[in-house]
C-alpha atoms as a PDB file:
ATOM      1  CA  MET A   1     -17.707  -7.481 -23.752  1.00  0.00           C
ATOM      2  CA  GLU A   2     -14.165  -7.557 -25.066  1.00  0.00           C
ATOM      3  CA  ASN A   3     -11.057  -7.540 -22.631  1.00  0.00           C
ATOM      4  CA  ILE A   4      -9.480  -4.227 -21.901  1.00  0.00           C
ATOM      5  CA  GLU A   5      -5.700  -4.148 -21.918  1.00  0.00           C
ATOM      6  CA  VAL A   6      -4.442  -2.149 -18.973  1.00  0.00           C
ATOM      7  CA  LEU A   7      -0.956  -0.621 -18.569  1.00  0.00           C
ATOM      8  CA  VAL A   8      -0.283   1.439 -15.403  1.00  0.00           C
ATOM      9  CA  LEU A   9       2.884   3.621 -14.628  1.00  0.00           C
ATOM     10  CA  LEU A  10       3.406   4.419 -11.106  1.00  0.00           C
ATOM     11  CA  ASP A  11       5.543   7.311 -10.323  1.00  0.00           C
ATOM     12  CA  VAL A  12       6.328   7.205  -6.628  1.00  0.00           C
ATOM     13  CA  SER A  13       8.656   8.625  -4.051  1.00  0.00           C
ATOM     14  CA  GLY A  14       9.438   7.460  -0.415  1.00  0.00           C
ATOM     15  CA  LEU A  15       7.983   4.043  -1.056  1.00  0.00           C
ATOM     16  CA  GLU A  16       8.670   2.190   2.302  1.00  0.00           C
ATOM     17  CA  ASP A  17       8.036  -1.368   1.126  1.00  0.00           C
ATOM     18  CA  GLU A  18       7.969  -1.944  -2.675  1.00  0.00           C
ATOM     19  CA  GLU A  19       7.971  -5.834  -2.330  1.00  0.00           C
ATOM     20  CA  LYS A  20       4.945  -5.810  -0.108  1.00  0.00           C
ATOM     21  CA  LEU A  21       3.159  -3.370  -2.826  1.00  0.00           C
ATOM     22  CA  ASN A  22       3.941  -5.610  -5.602  1.00  0.00           C
ATOM     23  CA  LYS A  23       2.487  -8.614  -3.903  1.00  0.00           C
ATOM     24  CA  PHE A  24      -0.698  -6.733  -2.992  1.00  0.00           C
ATOM     25  CA  LEU A  25      -1.110  -5.526  -6.738  1.00  0.00           C
ATOM     26  CA  LYS A  26      -0.203  -9.150  -7.823  1.00  0.00           C
ATOM     27  CA  ARG A  27      -3.175 -10.462  -5.717  1.00  0.00           C
ATOM     28  CA  LYS A  28      -5.302  -7.857  -7.502  1.00  0.00           C
ATOM     29  CA  SER A  29      -4.372  -9.023 -10.826  1.00  0.00           C
ATOM     30  CA  PHE A  30      -1.677  -6.365 -11.718  1.00  0.00           C
ATOM     31  CA  LYS A  31       1.530  -8.177 -13.041  1.00  0.00           C
ATOM     32  CA  ILE A  32       4.779  -6.290 -12.939  1.00  0.00           C
ATOM     33  CA  VAL A  33       6.215  -5.570 -16.645  1.00  0.00           C
ATOM     34  CA  GLU A  34       9.427  -7.350 -16.868  1.00  0.00           C
ATOM     35  CA  GLY A  35      12.511  -5.231 -16.769  1.00  0.00           C
ATOM     36  CA  GLU A  36      10.519  -2.002 -15.808  1.00  0.00           C
ATOM     37  CA  LYS A  37      10.260  -0.343 -12.400  1.00  0.00           C
ATOM     38  CA  ASN A  38       6.752   0.388 -11.326  1.00  0.00           C
ATOM     39  CA  VAL A  39       5.091  -0.441 -14.506  1.00  0.00           C
ATOM     40  CA  TYR A  40       2.096  -2.867 -14.286  1.00  0.00           C
ATOM     41  CA  THR A  41      -0.227  -4.810 -16.750  1.00  0.00           C
ATOM     42  CA  SER A  42      -3.478  -6.251 -16.310  1.00  0.00           C
ATOM     43  CA  THR A  43      -6.811  -7.074 -18.353  1.00  0.00           C
ATOM     44  CA  SER A  44     -10.361  -6.046 -17.458  1.00  0.00           C
ATOM     45  CA  THR A  45     -13.723  -7.377 -18.685  1.00  0.00           C
ATOM     46  CA  THR A  46     -15.664  -4.364 -17.291  1.00  0.00           C
ATOM     47  CA  THR A  47     -16.444  -0.947 -18.678  1.00  0.00           C
ATOM     48  CA  LEU A  48     -13.617   1.756 -19.188  1.00  0.00           C
ATOM     49  CA  VAL A  49     -15.086   3.641 -16.230  1.00  0.00           C
ATOM     50  CA  THR A  50     -15.293   0.824 -13.954  1.00  0.00           C
ATOM     51  CA  THR A  51     -11.678  -0.341 -15.006  1.00  0.00           C
ATOM     52  CA  LYS A  52     -10.262   3.333 -14.262  1.00  0.00           C
ATOM     53  CA  THR A  53     -12.126   3.385 -10.996  1.00  0.00           C
ATOM     54  CA  PHE A  54     -10.742   0.129 -10.005  1.00  0.00           C
ATOM     55  CA  ILE A  55      -7.092   1.106 -10.997  1.00  0.00           C
ATOM     56  CA  LEU A  56      -7.399   4.301  -8.804  1.00  0.00           C
ATOM     57  CA  GLN A  57      -8.835   2.252  -5.878  1.00  0.00           C
ATOM     58  CA  ILE A  58      -6.345  -0.507  -5.844  1.00  0.00           C
ATOM     59  CA  PHE A  59      -3.197   1.703  -6.190  1.00  0.00           C
ATOM     60  CA  LYS A  60      -4.658   4.038  -3.399  1.00  0.00           C
ATOM     61  CA  GLU A  61      -5.145   0.839  -1.147  1.00  0.00           C
ATOM     62  CA  GLY A  62      -1.682  -0.592  -1.999  1.00  0.00           C
ATOM     63  CA  LEU A  63       0.105   2.594  -1.355  1.00  0.00           C
ATOM     64  CA  GLU A  64      -1.614   3.309   1.846  1.00  0.00           C
ATOM     65  CA  LYS A  65      -0.693  -0.216   3.134  1.00  0.00           C
ATOM     66  CA  VAL A  66       3.006   0.225   2.596  1.00  0.00           C
ATOM     67  CA  GLY A  67       3.387   4.066   3.089  1.00  0.00           C
ATOM     68  CA  PHE A  68       5.005   6.590   0.610  1.00  0.00           C
ATOM     69  CA  THR A  69       5.651  10.339   0.128  1.00  0.00           C
ATOM     70  CA  ASN A  70       4.114  11.149  -3.134  1.00  0.00           C
ATOM     71  CA  ALA A  71       2.620   9.101  -6.073  1.00  0.00           C
ATOM     72  CA  ASN A  72       1.406   9.848  -9.574  1.00  0.00           C
ATOM     73  CA  LEU A  73      -0.391   7.380 -11.729  1.00  0.00           C
ATOM     74  CA  ILE A  74      -0.625   7.478 -15.742  1.00  0.00           C
ATOM     75  CA  PHE A  75      -2.440   4.542 -17.247  1.00  0.00           C
ATOM     76  CA  LEU A  76      -3.549   3.338 -20.733  1.00  0.00           C
ATOM     77  CA  LEU A  77      -6.656   1.285 -21.465  1.00  0.00           C
ATOM     78  CA  ASN A  78      -6.493  -0.351 -24.761  1.00  0.00           C
ATOM     79  CA  GLU A  79      -3.558   1.875 -25.836  1.00  0.00           C
ATOM     80  CA  THR A  80      -5.611   4.935 -25.090  1.00  0.00           C
ATOM     81  CA  PRO A  81      -3.673   7.369 -22.652  1.00  0.00           C
ATOM     82  CA  TYR A  82      -5.860   8.692 -19.575  1.00  0.00           C
ATOM     83  CA  PRO A  83      -4.937  11.869 -17.776  1.00  0.00           C
ATOM     84  CA  ALA A  84      -2.340  11.673 -15.139  1.00  0.00           C
ATOM     85  CA  HIS A  85      -3.547  11.544 -11.592  1.00  0.00           C
ATOM     86  CA  TYR A  86      -1.663  12.478  -8.365  1.00  0.00           C
ATOM     87  CA  TYR A  87      -2.215  11.201  -4.768  1.00  0.00           C
ATOM     88  CA  ASP A  88      -3.669  14.038  -2.703  1.00  0.00           C
ATOM     89  CA  HIS A  89      -2.753  13.654   1.035  1.00  0.00           C
ATOM     90  CA  ASP A  90      -5.493  15.994   2.127  1.00  0.00           C
ATOM     91  CA  THR A  91      -8.317  13.918   0.424  1.00  0.00           C
ATOM     92  CA  ASN A  92      -6.495  10.560   0.698  1.00  0.00           C
ATOM     93  CA  HIS A  93      -7.539   9.897  -3.006  1.00  0.00           C
ATOM     94  CA  PHE A  94      -6.045  10.122  -6.425  1.00  0.00           C
ATOM     95  CA  GLU A  95      -6.903  13.331  -8.132  1.00  0.00           C
ATOM     96  CA  LEU A  96      -6.801  14.535 -11.628  1.00  0.00           C
ATOM     97  CA  SER A  97      -3.458  16.363 -12.022  1.00  0.00           C
ATOM     98  CA  LYS A  98      -3.903  20.037 -12.204  1.00  0.00           C
ATOM     99  CA  GLU A  99      -2.207  20.439 -15.600  1.00  0.00           C
ATOM    100  CA  GLU A 100      -4.610  17.923 -16.972  1.00  0.00           C
ATOM    101  CA  SER A 101      -7.549  19.471 -15.715  1.00  0.00           C
ATOM    102  CA  LYS A 102      -7.117  22.862 -17.355  1.00  0.00           C
END
C-alpha cells in the first residue's frame, strides 16, 4: 500500500498548553509545518478510513490532555480535503460539522 500524505489544520481557541500539545502530536508522528500555526503533517501506510479515525482520535486525546475551549479540524489525505469536524463537549468526540452534514 502506498503512503498517504496527511495535512491537518487545527482551529482551536482557549488552548491551555500549546507546547505540551505539540510534543504529544510529535510523539504520535505529526510534525508542525514550519512557519504555520496549528498546521501538522504526517504520512500513513494504512487505509484512508483508518487514517481518518487515527487523526480524529489523536487530536482528541492531545486536546483533552492540555485543555481547550473549542476546536475544529480540517484535514487533507493525499491532497483530498475531508469535511470539517468540530469537537463536541457533550459527546467528547470530534463530530462532522453541521454545515458539512447537510
